[in-house]
């Protein structure tokens, strides 16, 4: 028996130095082959941004986070790549720009006006959409409700978190007539694509992307490598077949979508489902949208029979009071393309302890501190020794600077303990020198205030230039300083 055969039979491991000395090239080749086959290939991934590294690092060089690298098995099984199914695909070829037919992309209505608004008019063929939100916020309920109410579209609902019986119980609670809906409880993507070939759906909903697992990657479901590979398979399927795919995703404790950051770049739209589970209202916000505006939102009300569309959010965001209350002001804001009126509540009281408290809900606390400093420095109101609490009614978060004047009015009303006129609303930004700055799309704000029956709206004096105020029944008043607002409200 040769030395090579004896080495293979005895499975004796020689050192690389000894093999080089003996100049046994065949044994070197065989030893490296056996070594690489026995060793499983692993790579370290950053759980925050998805960066890849060959070794563990304490701090990620991409995002700067500490202790976020985890080791995962990434050895690919190339034989499993052939089991993705032979579904009907479209062949890609280079096309000149002038040869591309003009026209809008084909939209598929979801039979839900709020979701269609956020998507920009409906689902686009071949689009990949990611819906994220906190546990129990209503993501699965919304998607199942969409699947039950869509007409003329065959839908495949893939669930890796709930059983068929659980989905049937939820469907009975939501109510349905006779939807063309197929339920599949599966987590393996290769099996899912085989069922897709059989069903030939017009829409695929996956609940959730963290539960999917592919045979191409030898790691557990929910890992960064699995999420990236399964999302890539879904993207290839959507783009090659023209079938839209909706993915439901989890979020981390910081509110970000779980998984690598590349997941958000791969999809065409990212929808964030927000709201407090203790309140009945939910907000669906577009964080990214390649086929529409990225600043749209839809409002839903959670009920026992599912999510109800809220077509006029101003009515639910404004409290109905029988008597006036101090510390309340109404602001005209715009979210996406939708104008709506919100209620700003403020409470100013003497500081019970040494350090005054500053707290805000639904409003940027740093901007609140800035407005308090403007009132202290420019207007002479002594608020530095008082506690100030601010709340946006309805449990929503607003970052529109046009509500600054309403915030200031609510704070001054609570500080003076004098109720502001509830038939007056505000739309203006407050600058560092106490001036009232103009805001965009003021005509839509005025029209929304008039529709809800307000008698007067205060806007910046600069917004009145070229504005025909006689076409509205509401009185439009221009102001230039915070002192003028105080004089109109409290004389």
Foldseek 3Di string as FASTA:
>chain_A
DDPLVVCVVVVDDDDPVVCVVVVPVVNVVVNVVVVVVVDFQKWKAFQPAGDIDRDDDQADPPPGDGPRIDIFGFAFDVVQVVLQDDAAFDDDDDDDPVPDDDDAFDFAALPDPQVCVQQARHDGFLFEEEEEEAPPLQPVLVVLLSQQPRPPWQEEEEEQPDDPVVSVVLCVQLDHDDGNYHYHDDAENSVVSNVCRVRVTQEYEYHALQRHAYNGGPGHRNDQSRSVVSLVVVSVVRNTPRRYYYHYFYADPVRHTGHHPVSVVSGQWYWYWDFDPVAFKIKIATCHHNRHDRFGIFMWGQDSNTTHGDPAVQVVQDDDDPDFFALKAKAWDDTTNDIHIHIKGKAKAADPDQAAAQEEALEDSVVVVLLVVLCVPQVPDPRRRIHMYMYIGPRHHDDFQQCSLRNNRSHVRNVVRHGFPHLEHEGFHADNNQWTHADPPVVNSVVNSLVVPRQEYEGAPVVCVVDDPVVGNHHYHHDTGSVVVCVVGPD
